[in-house]
Amino acid sequence: MSNETQASTEIDPAEAAAKDGFFERIAAVSEDMIQAYGREFAMGTLLLAARYIAQSRAAEAEPAPQIITQP
């Protein structure tokens, strides 16, 4: 394996720890949502968040879409 290939596959411990922190926070918020409003609500919220991220990347110059949760 070349040095260039090895460098691209190595994981920075600080970055890995930071990402783990985000996963822990998301897990905690998810558990709170499940306890308060159920699994359907938690999954729907996370799906809306993923949609928001996908739309924001596709249209970086456009304003962020508004997510309306009330009928």
C-alpha atoms as a PDB file:
ATOM      1  CA  MET A   1       0.000   0.000   0.000  1.00  0.00           C
ATOM      2  CA  SER A   2       1.423   3.405  -0.911  1.00  0.00           C
ATOM      3  CA  ASN A   3       1.797   6.183   1.649  1.00  0.00           C
ATOM      4  CA  GLU A   4      -0.888   8.191  -0.147  1.00  0.00           C
ATOM      5  CA  THR A   5      -3.380   5.314   0.115  1.00  0.00           C
ATOM      6  CA  GLN A   6      -2.546   4.718   3.773  1.00  0.00           C
ATOM      7  CA  ALA A   7      -3.028   8.389   4.614  1.00  0.00           C
ATOM      8  CA  SER A   8      -6.481   8.458   3.032  1.00  0.00           C
ATOM      9  CA  THR A   9      -7.674   5.406   4.989  1.00  0.00           C
ATOM     10  CA  GLU A  10      -6.379   6.465   8.412  1.00  0.00           C
ATOM     11  CA  ILE A  11      -8.985   7.839  10.781  1.00  0.00           C
ATOM     12  CA  ASP A  12      -8.164  10.971  12.733  1.00  0.00           C
ATOM     13  CA  PRO A  13      -8.932  10.094  16.381  1.00  0.00           C
ATOM     14  CA  ALA A  14     -10.116  13.629  17.177  1.00  0.00           C
ATOM     15  CA  GLU A  15     -12.499  13.633  14.213  1.00  0.00           C
ATOM     16  CA  ALA A  16     -13.791  10.161  15.103  1.00  0.00           C
ATOM     17  CA  ALA A  17     -14.422  11.263  18.695  1.00  0.00           C
ATOM     18  CA  ALA A  18     -16.232  14.396  17.520  1.00  0.00           C
ATOM     19  CA  LYS A  19     -18.446  12.360  15.189  1.00  0.00           C
ATOM     20  CA  ASP A  20     -19.166   9.862  17.974  1.00  0.00           C
ATOM     21  CA  GLY A  21     -20.299  12.775  20.127  1.00  0.00           C
ATOM     22  CA  PHE A  22     -22.832  13.792  17.484  1.00  0.00           C
ATOM     23  CA  PHE A  23     -24.138  10.213  17.225  1.00  0.00           C
ATOM     24  CA  GLU A  24     -24.558  10.091  21.002  1.00  0.00           C
ATOM     25  CA  ARG A  25     -26.465  13.394  20.978  1.00  0.00           C
ATOM     26  CA  ILE A  26     -28.727  12.233  18.140  1.00  0.00           C
ATOM     27  CA  ALA A  27     -29.394   8.969  19.981  1.00  0.00           C
ATOM     28  CA  ALA A  28     -30.305  10.840  23.171  1.00  0.00           C
ATOM     29  CA  VAL A  29     -32.648  13.242  21.355  1.00  0.00           C
ATOM     30  CA  SER A  30     -34.202  10.297  19.501  1.00  0.00           C
ATOM     31  CA  GLU A  31     -34.863   8.474  22.771  1.00  0.00           C
ATOM     32  CA  ASP A  32     -36.437  11.618  24.233  1.00  0.00           C
ATOM     33  CA  MET A  33     -38.725  11.981  21.191  1.00  0.00           C
ATOM     34  CA  ILE A  34     -39.720   8.298  21.378  1.00  0.00           C
ATOM     35  CA  GLN A  35     -40.571   8.585  25.071  1.00  0.00           C
ATOM     36  CA  ALA A  36     -42.529  11.801  24.574  1.00  0.00           C
ATOM     37  CA  TYR A  37     -44.355  11.148  21.292  1.00  0.00           C
ATOM     38  CA  GLY A  38     -43.580   7.628  20.055  1.00  0.00           C
ATOM     39  CA  ARG A  39     -41.427   5.979  17.407  1.00  0.00           C
ATOM     40  CA  GLU A  40     -43.434   7.294  14.460  1.00  0.00           C
ATOM     41  CA  PHE A  41     -42.849  10.878  15.509  1.00  0.00           C
ATOM     42  CA  ALA A  42     -39.132  10.299  16.084  1.00  0.00           C
ATOM     43  CA  MET A  43     -38.655   8.596  12.703  1.00  0.00           C
ATOM     44  CA  GLY A  44     -40.671  11.259  10.908  1.00  0.00           C
ATOM     45  CA  THR A  45     -38.643  14.015  12.511  1.00  0.00           C
ATOM     46  CA  LEU A  46     -35.340  12.392  11.548  1.00  0.00           C
ATOM     47  CA  LEU A  47     -36.574  11.836   7.988  1.00  0.00           C
ATOM     48  CA  LEU A  48     -37.599  15.491   7.730  1.00  0.00           C
ATOM     49  CA  ALA A  49     -34.154  16.476   8.996  1.00  0.00           C
ATOM     50  CA  ALA A  50     -32.490  14.288   6.348  1.00  0.00           C
ATOM     51  CA  ARG A  51     -34.719  15.821   3.676  1.00  0.00           C
ATOM     52  CA  TYR A  52     -33.815  19.305   4.863  1.00  0.00           C
ATOM     53  CA  ILE A  53     -30.093  18.483   4.656  1.00  0.00           C
ATOM     54  CA  ALA A  54     -30.464  16.985   1.169  1.00  0.00           C
ATOM     55  CA  GLN A  55     -32.451  19.968  -0.107  1.00  0.00           C
ATOM     56  CA  SER A  56     -30.072  22.477   1.444  1.00  0.00           C
ATOM     57  CA  ARG A  57     -27.078  20.908  -0.281  1.00  0.00           C
ATOM     58  CA  ALA A  58     -28.827  20.779  -3.628  1.00  0.00           C
ATOM     59  CA  ALA A  59     -29.827  24.429  -3.419  1.00  0.00           C
ATOM     60  CA  GLU A  60     -27.100  26.093  -1.376  1.00  0.00           C
ATOM     61  CA  ALA A  61     -27.826  29.512  -2.872  1.00  0.00           C
ATOM     62  CA  GLU A  62     -31.575  29.256  -2.239  1.00  0.00           C
ATOM     63  CA  PRO A  63     -33.152  29.958   1.154  1.00  0.00           C
ATOM     64  CA  ALA A  64     -33.717  26.906   3.346  1.00  0.00           C
ATOM     65  CA  PRO A  65     -37.179  25.338   2.973  1.00  0.00           C
ATOM     66  CA  GLN A  66     -39.652  25.745   5.807  1.00  0.00           C
ATOM     67  CA  ILE A  67     -40.900  22.560   7.405  1.00  0.00           C
ATOM     68  CA  ILE A  68     -44.504  22.887   8.563  1.00  0.00           C
ATOM     69  CA  THR A  69     -45.648  20.219  11.003  1.00  0.00           C
ATOM     70  CA  GLN A  70     -49.130  21.503  11.830  1.00  0.00           C
ATOM     71  CA  PRO A  71     -52.105  20.837   9.540  1.00  0.00           C
END
